[in-house]
């Protein structure tokens, strides 16, 4: 069972988007005793969850019918827009008064628009960090924007799949916080790849270097977790490159509106665009190792 900071009865939940992370998060809710229905554009992904008792639905309209809470975790801002505003979408078919929680990393402006338009609903933007491992272990970080009372009501549900749950402010604030996370992530993963490339090029054993520096002041999740994957050429996606590019583009668009320029983010964006051209769009972000190795040949 999930840890309840505030008591909550078992709820009827719709989960839209059962990708790498979404499927694990929906399963945590189901295991905690909630009644969960799921929809995914590729139906087989939702159908795979029937083994744990989650009902797979054919349409969004059917999925959200009679639900008290609707979670969405899809790919791009335009996907968020489609599942909320489409003819068969959430705003047209969810019961009035339902809680609508978007956990996609999306644009703050879109989060604000949904909150403005969804007059008869409780709307939260609540992107997460922690990747596939965090989703599987139930140790994600949730960054939430919206009404504080709505956040408090939903906090027990978040605790089913997250350890760190923070309220950031009004609608869109969760997405702004996630942009901060991705800006920091960009520098961390690139510096991990650079450090290990330096180690290899200088004649050191990169694995020994990783063992030496991962627990010191330079230590990070990216160095410990993805550094090991880089050295093994393990590019299975915990977090897709195509999704990271999307996230960095969202952050860059916000920075432009603020009249700010961050050179590290800009450079890492360029590196990942090169990886996209190299065919690594569906690889994990640790495939940045291939960019640095290509520069050594």
C-alpha atoms as a PDB file:
ATOM      1  CA  UNK A   1       0.000   0.000   0.000  1.00  0.00           C
ATOM      2  CA  UNK A   2       1.084   3.557  -0.611  1.00  0.00           C
ATOM      3  CA  UNK A   3       1.882   5.810   2.322  1.00  0.00           C
ATOM      4  CA  UNK A   4      -1.052   8.106   3.114  1.00  0.00           C
ATOM      5  CA  UNK A   5      -0.074  11.525   4.373  1.00  0.00           C
ATOM      6  CA  UNK A   6      -3.765  12.403   4.109  1.00  0.00           C
ATOM      7  CA  UNK A   7      -6.432   9.720   4.281  1.00  0.00           C
ATOM      8  CA  UNK A   8      -8.020   8.903   0.936  1.00  0.00           C
ATOM      9  CA  UNK A   9     -10.656   6.345   0.028  1.00  0.00           C
ATOM     10  CA  UNK A  10     -10.114   3.895  -2.795  1.00  0.00           C
ATOM     11  CA  UNK A  11     -10.722   5.807  -5.994  1.00  0.00           C
ATOM     12  CA  UNK A  12     -11.731   5.173  -9.593  1.00  0.00           C
ATOM     13  CA  UNK A  13      -8.762   6.204 -11.714  1.00  0.00           C
ATOM     14  CA  UNK A  14      -8.185   6.582 -15.447  1.00  0.00           C
ATOM     15  CA  UNK A  15      -4.612   6.421 -16.704  1.00  0.00           C
ATOM     16  CA  UNK A  16      -3.903   7.778 -20.200  1.00  0.00           C
ATOM     17  CA  UNK A  17      -0.476   6.837 -21.586  1.00  0.00           C
ATOM     18  CA  UNK A  18       1.104   3.523 -20.614  1.00  0.00           C
ATOM     19  CA  UNK A  19       4.674   3.937 -21.795  1.00  0.00           C
ATOM     20  CA  UNK A  20       7.861   2.953 -19.968  1.00  0.00           C
ATOM     21  CA  UNK A  21       7.050   4.996 -16.872  1.00  0.00           C
ATOM     22  CA  UNK A  22       3.288   5.381 -17.058  1.00  0.00           C
ATOM     23  CA  UNK A  23       2.605   1.657 -16.988  1.00  0.00           C
ATOM     24  CA  UNK A  24       4.645   1.185 -13.802  1.00  0.00           C
ATOM     25  CA  UNK A  25       2.954   4.143 -12.114  1.00  0.00           C
ATOM     26  CA  UNK A  26      -0.517   2.863 -12.998  1.00  0.00           C
ATOM     27  CA  UNK A  27       0.417  -0.536 -11.564  1.00  0.00           C
ATOM     28  CA  UNK A  28       1.431   1.050  -8.255  1.00  0.00           C
ATOM     29  CA  UNK A  29      -2.000   2.666  -8.005  1.00  0.00           C
ATOM     30  CA  UNK A  30      -3.708  -0.629  -8.795  1.00  0.00           C
ATOM     31  CA  UNK A  31      -1.624  -2.484  -6.200  1.00  0.00           C
ATOM     32  CA  UNK A  32      -2.539   0.190  -3.637  1.00  0.00           C
ATOM     33  CA  UNK A  33      -6.179  -0.826  -3.970  1.00  0.00           C
ATOM     34  CA  UNK A  34      -7.507   1.727  -6.434  1.00  0.00           C
ATOM     35  CA  UNK A  35      -9.658   0.772  -9.411  1.00  0.00           C
ATOM     36  CA  UNK A  36      -7.633   1.643 -12.517  1.00  0.00           C
ATOM     37  CA  UNK A  37      -8.616   1.788 -16.179  1.00  0.00           C
ATOM     38  CA  UNK A  38      -5.983   2.509 -18.841  1.00  0.00           C
ATOM     39  CA  UNK A  39      -5.845   3.778 -22.393  1.00  0.00           C
ATOM     40  CA  UNK A  40      -2.902   3.943 -24.748  1.00  0.00           C
ATOM     41  CA  UNK A  41      -2.788   4.979 -28.391  1.00  0.00           C
ATOM     42  CA  UNK A  42      -1.015   1.670 -29.073  1.00  0.00           C
ATOM     43  CA  UNK A  43      -3.645  -0.579 -27.538  1.00  0.00           C
ATOM     44  CA  UNK A  44      -1.356  -3.541 -26.824  1.00  0.00           C
ATOM     45  CA  UNK A  45       0.572  -1.515 -24.240  1.00  0.00           C
ATOM     46  CA  UNK A  46      -2.576  -0.942 -22.188  1.00  0.00           C
ATOM     47  CA  UNK A  47      -3.775  -4.519 -22.724  1.00  0.00           C
ATOM     48  CA  UNK A  48      -0.522  -5.811 -21.197  1.00  0.00           C
ATOM     49  CA  UNK A  49      -1.604  -4.301 -17.861  1.00  0.00           C
ATOM     50  CA  UNK A  50      -4.693  -6.503 -17.656  1.00  0.00           C
ATOM     51  CA  UNK A  51      -2.490  -9.160 -16.064  1.00  0.00           C
ATOM     52  CA  UNK A  52      -2.359  -7.054 -12.873  1.00  0.00           C
ATOM     53  CA  UNK A  53      -6.057  -6.207 -12.909  1.00  0.00           C
ATOM     54  CA  UNK A  54      -6.032  -2.915 -14.809  1.00  0.00           C
ATOM     55  CA  UNK A  55      -8.843  -2.672 -17.366  1.00  0.00           C
ATOM     56  CA  UNK A  56      -7.690  -1.693 -20.870  1.00  0.00           C
ATOM     57  CA  UNK A  57     -10.102   0.607 -22.686  1.00  0.00           C
ATOM     58  CA  UNK A  58     -10.515   1.220 -26.411  1.00  0.00           C
ATOM     59  CA  UNK A  59     -11.079   4.996 -26.246  1.00  0.00           C
ATOM     60  CA  UNK A  60     -10.230   7.905 -23.968  1.00  0.00           C
ATOM     61  CA  UNK A  61     -13.940   8.600 -23.588  1.00  0.00           C
ATOM     62  CA  UNK A  62     -14.556   5.084 -22.249  1.00  0.00           C
ATOM     63  CA  UNK A  63     -11.485   5.241 -20.034  1.00  0.00           C
ATOM     64  CA  UNK A  64     -12.425   8.452 -18.234  1.00  0.00           C
ATOM     65  CA  UNK A  65     -16.136   7.701 -17.856  1.00  0.00           C
ATOM     66  CA  UNK A  66     -17.173   7.523 -14.172  1.00  0.00           C
ATOM     67  CA  UNK A  67     -13.587   8.180 -12.996  1.00  0.00           C
ATOM     68  CA  UNK A  68     -12.802  10.462 -10.082  1.00  0.00           C
ATOM     69  CA  UNK A  69      -9.187  11.040 -11.124  1.00  0.00           C
ATOM     70  CA  UNK A  70      -7.633  11.141 -14.602  1.00  0.00           C
ATOM     71  CA  UNK A  71      -3.850  10.899 -14.975  1.00  0.00           C
ATOM     72  CA  UNK A  72      -2.198  11.681 -18.306  1.00  0.00           C
ATOM     73  CA  UNK A  73       1.374  10.832 -19.217  1.00  0.00           C
ATOM     74  CA  UNK A  74       1.917  11.082 -22.951  1.00  0.00           C
ATOM     75  CA  UNK A  75       4.767  12.147 -25.243  1.00  0.00           C
ATOM     76  CA  UNK A  76       4.573  15.714 -26.517  1.00  0.00           C
ATOM     77  CA  UNK A  77       2.625  18.897 -25.695  1.00  0.00           C
ATOM     78  CA  UNK A  78       0.552  18.339 -28.849  1.00  0.00           C
ATOM     79  CA  UNK A  79      -0.354  14.886 -27.478  1.00  0.00           C
ATOM     80  CA  UNK A  80      -1.473  16.492 -24.216  1.00  0.00           C
ATOM     81  CA  UNK A  81      -3.576  18.958 -26.174  1.00  0.00           C
ATOM     82  CA  UNK A  82      -5.144  16.125 -28.187  1.00  0.00           C
ATOM     83  CA  UNK A  83      -6.113  13.968 -25.209  1.00  0.00           C
ATOM     84  CA  UNK A  84      -7.633  16.924 -23.359  1.00  0.00           C
ATOM     85  CA  UNK A  85      -9.307  18.872 -26.168  1.00  0.00           C
ATOM     86  CA  UNK A  86     -10.099  16.155 -28.746  1.00  0.00           C
ATOM     87  CA  UNK A  87     -13.657  15.229 -29.651  1.00  0.00           C
ATOM     88  CA  UNK A  88     -13.227  11.979 -27.695  1.00  0.00           C
ATOM     89  CA  UNK A  89     -11.012  13.727 -25.141  1.00  0.00           C
ATOM     90  CA  UNK A  90     -10.965  14.238 -21.407  1.00  0.00           C
ATOM     91  CA  UNK A  91     -12.688  17.617 -21.142  1.00  0.00           C
ATOM     92  CA  UNK A  92     -15.615  16.359 -23.203  1.00  0.00           C
ATOM     93  CA  UNK A  93     -16.112  13.061 -21.389  1.00  0.00           C
ATOM     94  CA  UNK A  94     -14.684  13.112 -17.849  1.00  0.00           C
ATOM     95  CA  UNK A  95     -17.269  13.568 -15.068  1.00  0.00           C
ATOM     96  CA  UNK A  96     -17.547  17.136 -13.825  1.00  0.00           C
ATOM     97  CA  UNK A  97     -15.610  17.629 -10.619  1.00  0.00           C
ATOM     98  CA  UNK A  98     -12.965  15.042 -11.493  1.00  0.00           C
ATOM     99  CA  UNK A  99      -9.294  15.654 -10.757  1.00  0.00           C
ATOM    100  CA  UNK A 100      -7.264  15.968 -13.967  1.00  0.00           C
ATOM    101  CA  UNK A 101      -3.537  15.484 -13.436  1.00  0.00           C
ATOM    102  CA  UNK A 102      -1.066  15.833 -16.303  1.00  0.00           C
ATOM    103  CA  UNK A 103       2.257  14.155 -15.531  1.00  0.00           C
ATOM    104  CA  UNK A 104       3.698  14.681 -19.009  1.00  0.00           C
ATOM    105  CA  UNK A 105       6.671  17.010 -19.250  1.00  0.00           C
ATOM    106  CA  UNK A 106       4.899  19.724 -21.208  1.00  0.00           C
ATOM    107  CA  UNK A 107       4.775  23.483 -21.737  1.00  0.00           C
ATOM    108  CA  UNK A 108       3.866  25.682 -18.749  1.00  0.00           C
ATOM    109  CA  UNK A 109       1.635  27.752 -21.032  1.00  0.00           C
ATOM    110  CA  UNK A 110      -0.395  24.665 -21.976  1.00  0.00           C
ATOM    111  CA  UNK A 111      -0.773  23.695 -18.308  1.00  0.00           C
ATOM    112  CA  UNK A 112      -2.134  27.165 -17.583  1.00  0.00           C
ATOM    113  CA  UNK A 113      -4.524  26.982 -20.557  1.00  0.00           C
ATOM    114  CA  UNK A 114      -5.959  23.635 -19.471  1.00  0.00           C
ATOM    115  CA  UNK A 115      -6.430  24.951 -15.923  1.00  0.00           C
ATOM    116  CA  UNK A 116      -8.187  28.047 -17.309  1.00  0.00           C
ATOM    117  CA  UNK A 117     -10.462  26.106 -19.653  1.00  0.00           C
ATOM    118  CA  UNK A 118     -11.378  23.236 -17.331  1.00  0.00           C
ATOM    119  CA  UNK A 119     -13.785  25.242 -15.168  1.00  0.00           C
ATOM    120  CA  UNK A 120     -15.666  22.222 -13.867  1.00  0.00           C
ATOM    121  CA  UNK A 121     -12.588  20.207 -12.908  1.00  0.00           C
ATOM    122  CA  UNK A 122      -9.674  20.214 -10.480  1.00  0.00           C
ATOM    123  CA  UNK A 123      -6.540  20.554 -12.625  1.00  0.00           C
ATOM    124  CA  UNK A 124      -2.924  19.884 -11.629  1.00  0.00           C
ATOM    125  CA  UNK A 125       0.285  19.800 -13.664  1.00  0.00           C
ATOM    126  CA  UNK A 126       2.588  17.285 -11.998  1.00  0.00           C
ATOM    127  CA  UNK A 127       5.570  16.182 -14.102  1.00  0.00           C
ATOM    128  CA  UNK A 128       7.968  13.677 -12.579  1.00  0.00           C
ATOM    129  CA  UNK A 129      11.666  12.878 -12.467  1.00  0.00           C
ATOM    130  CA  UNK A 130      13.404   9.577 -11.729  1.00  0.00           C
ATOM    131  CA  UNK A 131      13.145   7.644 -14.983  1.00  0.00           C
ATOM    132  CA  UNK A 132      12.108   4.047 -15.466  1.00  0.00           C
ATOM    133  CA  UNK A 133      13.921   2.888 -12.323  1.00  0.00           C
ATOM    134  CA  UNK A 134      12.132   5.442 -10.155  1.00  0.00           C
ATOM    135  CA  UNK A 135       8.791   4.491 -11.698  1.00  0.00           C
ATOM    136  CA  UNK A 136       9.370   0.781 -11.095  1.00  0.00           C
ATOM    137  CA  UNK A 137      10.556   1.263  -7.506  1.00  0.00           C
ATOM    138  CA  UNK A 138       7.954   3.907  -6.667  1.00  0.00           C
ATOM    139  CA  UNK A 139      10.629   6.467  -5.807  1.00  0.00           C
ATOM    140  CA  UNK A 140       9.841   9.233  -8.294  1.00  0.00           C
ATOM    141  CA  UNK A 141       9.930  12.971  -7.645  1.00  0.00           C
ATOM    142  CA  UNK A 142       6.672  14.852  -8.314  1.00  0.00           C
ATOM    143  CA  UNK A 143       6.683  18.609  -8.994  1.00  0.00           C
ATOM    144  CA  UNK A 144       3.150  19.959  -8.801  1.00  0.00           C
ATOM    145  CA  UNK A 145       1.400  23.140  -9.894  1.00  0.00           C
ATOM    146  CA  UNK A 146      -2.240  24.141  -9.373  1.00  0.00           C
ATOM    147  CA  UNK A 147      -4.534  24.800  -6.437  1.00  0.00           C
ATOM    148  CA  UNK A 148      -2.907  23.868  -3.125  1.00  0.00           C
ATOM    149  CA  UNK A 149      -6.053  22.235  -1.743  1.00  0.00           C
ATOM    150  CA  UNK A 150      -6.265  20.036  -4.844  1.00  0.00           C
ATOM    151  CA  UNK A 151      -2.603  19.114  -4.412  1.00  0.00           C
ATOM    152  CA  UNK A 152      -3.201  18.063  -0.802  1.00  0.00           C
ATOM    153  CA  UNK A 153      -6.179  15.924  -1.825  1.00  0.00           C
ATOM    154  CA  UNK A 154      -4.099  14.111  -4.459  1.00  0.00           C
ATOM    155  CA  UNK A 155      -0.892  13.783  -2.448  1.00  0.00           C
ATOM    156  CA  UNK A 156      -1.794  10.289  -1.162  1.00  0.00           C
ATOM    157  CA  UNK A 157      -2.119   9.095  -4.773  1.00  0.00           C
ATOM    158  CA  UNK A 158       1.253  10.600  -5.656  1.00  0.00           C
ATOM    159  CA  UNK A 159       2.778   8.778  -2.692  1.00  0.00           C
ATOM    160  CA  UNK A 160       1.889   5.453  -4.340  1.00  0.00           C
ATOM    161  CA  UNK A 161       4.696   5.964  -6.869  1.00  0.00           C
ATOM    162  CA  UNK A 162       6.805   8.828  -5.529  1.00  0.00           C
ATOM    163  CA  UNK A 163       9.052   9.539  -2.540  1.00  0.00           C
ATOM    164  CA  UNK A 164       9.607  13.265  -3.063  1.00  0.00           C
ATOM    165  CA  UNK A 165       6.384  15.220  -3.602  1.00  0.00           C
ATOM    166  CA  UNK A 166       6.551  19.009  -3.798  1.00  0.00           C
ATOM    167  CA  UNK A 167       4.030  21.779  -4.381  1.00  0.00           C
ATOM    168  CA  UNK A 168       5.525  24.542  -6.528  1.00  0.00           C
ATOM    169  CA  UNK A 169       2.693  27.074  -6.918  1.00  0.00           C
ATOM    170  CA  UNK A 170      -0.078  28.018  -9.313  1.00  0.00           C
ATOM    171  CA  UNK A 171      -0.913  26.248 -12.581  1.00  0.00           C
ATOM    172  CA  UNK A 172       2.181  25.809 -14.765  1.00  0.00           C
ATOM    173  CA  UNK A 173       4.593  25.892 -11.821  1.00  0.00           C
ATOM    174  CA  UNK A 174       5.137  22.137 -11.883  1.00  0.00           C
ATOM    175  CA  UNK A 175       6.191  22.376 -15.523  1.00  0.00           C
ATOM    176  CA  UNK A 176       8.539  25.258 -14.760  1.00  0.00           C
ATOM    177  CA  UNK A 177      10.146  23.153 -12.011  1.00  0.00           C
ATOM    178  CA  UNK A 178      10.569  20.243 -14.434  1.00  0.00           C
ATOM    179  CA  UNK A 179      12.311  22.601 -16.859  1.00  0.00           C
ATOM    180  CA  UNK A 180      14.782  23.393 -14.055  1.00  0.00           C
ATOM    181  CA  UNK A 181      15.324  19.653 -13.602  1.00  0.00           C
ATOM    182  CA  UNK A 182      16.020  19.091 -17.291  1.00  0.00           C
ATOM    183  CA  UNK A 183      18.406  22.037 -17.487  1.00  0.00           C
ATOM    184  CA  UNK A 184      20.400  20.544 -14.596  1.00  0.00           C
ATOM    185  CA  UNK A 185      20.186  17.067 -16.157  1.00  0.00           C
ATOM    186  CA  UNK A 186      21.628  18.302 -19.452  1.00  0.00           C
ATOM    187  CA  UNK A 187      24.840  19.421 -17.812  1.00  0.00           C
ATOM    188  CA  UNK A 188      25.105  16.323 -15.595  1.00  0.00           C
ATOM    189  CA  UNK A 189      24.835  13.704 -18.320  1.00  0.00           C
ATOM    190  CA  UNK A 190      27.154  15.539 -20.713  1.00  0.00           C
ATOM    191  CA  UNK A 191      29.792  16.041 -18.014  1.00  0.00           C
ATOM    192  CA  UNK A 192      29.602  12.344 -17.078  1.00  0.00           C
ATOM    193  CA  UNK A 193      30.271  11.374 -20.692  1.00  0.00           C
ATOM    194  CA  UNK A 194      33.116  13.890 -20.949  1.00  0.00           C
ATOM    195  CA  UNK A 195      34.785  12.690 -17.750  1.00  0.00           C
ATOM    196  CA  UNK A 196      34.720   9.043 -18.860  1.00  0.00           C
ATOM    197  CA  UNK A 197      35.894   9.957 -22.369  1.00  0.00           C
ATOM    198  CA  UNK A 198      38.805  11.821 -20.805  1.00  0.00           C
ATOM    199  CA  UNK A 199      39.604   8.766 -18.678  1.00  0.00           C
ATOM    200  CA  UNK A 200      39.661   6.432 -21.679  1.00  0.00           C
ATOM    201  CA  UNK A 201      41.652   8.788 -23.884  1.00  0.00           C
ATOM    202  CA  UNK A 202      44.282   9.388 -21.184  1.00  0.00           C
ATOM    203  CA  UNK A 203      44.911   5.649 -20.877  1.00  0.00           C
ATOM    204  CA  UNK A 204      43.061   5.049 -17.620  1.00  0.00           C
ATOM    205  CA  UNK A 205      40.536   2.295 -17.068  1.00  0.00           C
ATOM    206  CA  UNK A 206      37.186   4.177 -17.229  1.00  0.00           C
ATOM    207  CA  UNK A 207      35.542   1.653 -14.891  1.00  0.00           C
ATOM    208  CA  UNK A 208      38.223   2.238 -12.270  1.00  0.00           C
ATOM    209  CA  UNK A 209      37.832   5.986 -12.687  1.00  0.00           C
ATOM    210  CA  UNK A 210      34.066   5.642 -12.297  1.00  0.00           C
ATOM    211  CA  UNK A 211      34.593   3.683  -9.075  1.00  0.00           C
ATOM    212  CA  UNK A 212      36.926   6.404  -7.812  1.00  0.00           C
ATOM    213  CA  UNK A 213      34.850   9.505  -8.543  1.00  0.00           C
ATOM    214  CA  UNK A 214      31.237   8.334  -8.329  1.00  0.00           C
ATOM    215  CA  UNK A 215      31.093   8.558  -4.524  1.00  0.00           C
ATOM    216  CA  UNK A 216      32.999  11.820  -4.219  1.00  0.00           C
ATOM    217  CA  UNK A 217      32.109  15.449  -4.832  1.00  0.00           C
ATOM    218  CA  UNK A 218      31.556  14.719  -8.533  1.00  0.00           C
ATOM    219  CA  UNK A 219      29.068  11.946  -7.804  1.00  0.00           C
ATOM    220  CA  UNK A 220      25.604  12.013  -9.364  1.00  0.00           C
ATOM    221  CA  UNK A 221      22.859   9.671 -10.496  1.00  0.00           C
ATOM    222  CA  UNK A 222      23.933  10.247 -14.087  1.00  0.00           C
ATOM    223  CA  UNK A 223      27.539   9.315 -13.356  1.00  0.00           C
ATOM    224  CA  UNK A 224      26.695   6.231 -11.286  1.00  0.00           C
ATOM    225  CA  UNK A 225      23.754   4.880 -13.247  1.00  0.00           C
ATOM    226  CA  UNK A 226      24.229   6.075 -16.816  1.00  0.00           C
ATOM    227  CA  UNK A 227      28.022   6.174 -16.611  1.00  0.00           C
ATOM    228  CA  UNK A 228      28.082   2.407 -16.155  1.00  0.00           C
ATOM    229  CA  UNK A 229      25.653   1.991 -19.057  1.00  0.00           C
ATOM    230  CA  UNK A 230      27.832   4.161 -21.288  1.00  0.00           C
ATOM    231  CA  UNK A 231      30.855   1.975 -20.671  1.00  0.00           C
ATOM    232  CA  UNK A 232      28.800  -1.153 -21.458  1.00  0.00           C
ATOM    233  CA  UNK A 233      27.229   0.426 -24.567  1.00  0.00           C
ATOM    234  CA  UNK A 234      23.848  -0.286 -23.005  1.00  0.00           C
ATOM    235  CA  UNK A 235      21.470   2.164 -24.646  1.00  0.00           C
ATOM    236  CA  UNK A 236      18.149   0.641 -23.599  1.00  0.00           C
ATOM    237  CA  UNK A 237      15.894   3.616 -22.915  1.00  0.00           C
ATOM    238  CA  UNK A 238      15.030   4.517 -19.364  1.00  0.00           C
ATOM    239  CA  UNK A 239      14.484   7.962 -20.819  1.00  0.00           C
ATOM    240  CA  UNK A 240      14.343   8.340 -24.600  1.00  0.00           C
ATOM    241  CA  UNK A 241      16.594  10.792 -26.423  1.00  0.00           C
ATOM    242  CA  UNK A 242      13.583  11.992 -28.431  1.00  0.00           C
ATOM    243  CA  UNK A 243      11.794  12.891 -25.189  1.00  0.00           C
ATOM    244  CA  UNK A 244      14.838  14.637 -23.749  1.00  0.00           C
ATOM    245  CA  UNK A 245      15.135  16.743 -26.908  1.00  0.00           C
ATOM    246  CA  UNK A 246      11.472  17.679 -26.500  1.00  0.00           C
ATOM    247  CA  UNK A 247      12.071  18.655 -22.858  1.00  0.00           C
ATOM    248  CA  UNK A 248      15.116  20.771 -23.696  1.00  0.00           C
ATOM    249  CA  UNK A 249      13.179  22.502 -26.466  1.00  0.00           C
ATOM    250  CA  UNK A 250      10.425  23.384 -23.990  1.00  0.00           C
ATOM    251  CA  UNK A 251      13.001  24.830 -21.582  1.00  0.00           C
ATOM    252  CA  UNK A 252      14.698  26.757 -24.403  1.00  0.00           C
ATOM    253  CA  UNK A 253      11.371  28.271 -25.479  1.00  0.00           C
ATOM    254  CA  UNK A 254      10.715  29.456 -21.919  1.00  0.00           C
ATOM    255  CA  UNK A 255      14.247  30.877 -21.667  1.00  0.00           C
ATOM    256  CA  UNK A 256      13.690  32.840 -24.872  1.00  0.00           C
ATOM    257  CA  UNK A 257      10.588  34.437 -23.385  1.00  0.00           C
ATOM    258  CA  UNK A 258      12.634  35.356 -20.300  1.00  0.00           C
ATOM    259  CA  UNK A 259      15.418  36.783 -22.492  1.00  0.00           C
ATOM    260  CA  UNK A 260      17.925  34.338 -20.979  1.00  0.00           C
ATOM    261  CA  UNK A 261      20.630  32.325 -22.728  1.00  0.00           C
ATOM    262  CA  UNK A 262      22.167  29.246 -21.105  1.00  0.00           C
ATOM    263  CA  UNK A 263      25.234  28.075 -23.056  1.00  0.00           C
ATOM    264  CA  UNK A 264      25.428  24.605 -21.474  1.00  0.00           C
ATOM    265  CA  UNK A 265      21.817  23.790 -22.334  1.00  0.00           C
ATOM    266  CA  UNK A 266      22.324  25.113 -25.865  1.00  0.00           C
ATOM    267  CA  UNK A 267      25.411  22.955 -26.403  1.00  0.00           C
ATOM    268  CA  UNK A 268      23.779  19.806 -25.028  1.00  0.00           C
ATOM    269  CA  UNK A 269      20.747  20.440 -27.239  1.00  0.00           C
ATOM    270  CA  UNK A 270      23.075  20.541 -30.227  1.00  0.00           C
ATOM    271  CA  UNK A 271      24.774  17.277 -29.190  1.00  0.00           C
ATOM    272  CA  UNK A 272      21.461  15.450 -28.914  1.00  0.00           C
ATOM    273  CA  UNK A 273      20.263  16.805 -32.247  1.00  0.00           C
ATOM    274  CA  UNK A 274      23.425  15.305 -33.735  1.00  0.00           C
ATOM    275  CA  UNK A 275      22.617  11.984 -32.037  1.00  0.00           C
ATOM    276  CA  UNK A 276      19.145  12.155 -33.580  1.00  0.00           C
ATOM    277  CA  UNK A 277      20.772  12.536 -37.000  1.00  0.00           C
ATOM    278  CA  UNK A 278      22.993   9.540 -36.156  1.00  0.00           C
ATOM    279  CA  UNK A 279      19.868   7.422 -35.615  1.00  0.00           C
ATOM    280  CA  UNK A 280      19.720   7.336 -31.808  1.00  0.00           C
ATOM    281  CA  UNK A 281      16.290   8.966 -31.371  1.00  0.00           C
ATOM    282  CA  UNK A 282      14.828   5.879 -29.667  1.00  0.00           C
ATOM    283  CA  UNK A 283      17.901   5.144 -27.543  1.00  0.00           C
ATOM    284  CA  UNK A 284      18.335   6.128 -23.913  1.00  0.00           C
ATOM    285  CA  UNK A 285      19.968   9.443 -23.064  1.00  0.00           C
ATOM    286  CA  UNK A 286      23.185   7.606 -22.089  1.00  0.00           C
ATOM    287  CA  UNK A 287      23.820   7.104 -25.825  1.00  0.00           C
ATOM    288  CA  UNK A 288      25.457  10.536 -25.653  1.00  0.00           C
ATOM    289  CA  UNK A 289      28.558   8.339 -25.175  1.00  0.00           C
ATOM    290  CA  UNK A 290      28.445   7.609 -28.917  1.00  0.00           C
ATOM    291  CA  UNK A 291      28.733  11.303 -29.737  1.00  0.00           C
ATOM    292  CA  UNK A 292      31.932  11.646 -27.724  1.00  0.00           C
ATOM    293  CA  UNK A 293      33.384   8.407 -29.039  1.00  0.00           C
ATOM    294  CA  UNK A 294      32.725   9.534 -32.611  1.00  0.00           C
ATOM    295  CA  UNK A 295      34.885  12.579 -31.932  1.00  0.00           C
ATOM    296  CA  UNK A 296      37.809  10.331 -30.937  1.00  0.00           C
ATOM    297  CA  UNK A 297      37.899   8.429 -34.239  1.00  0.00           C
END
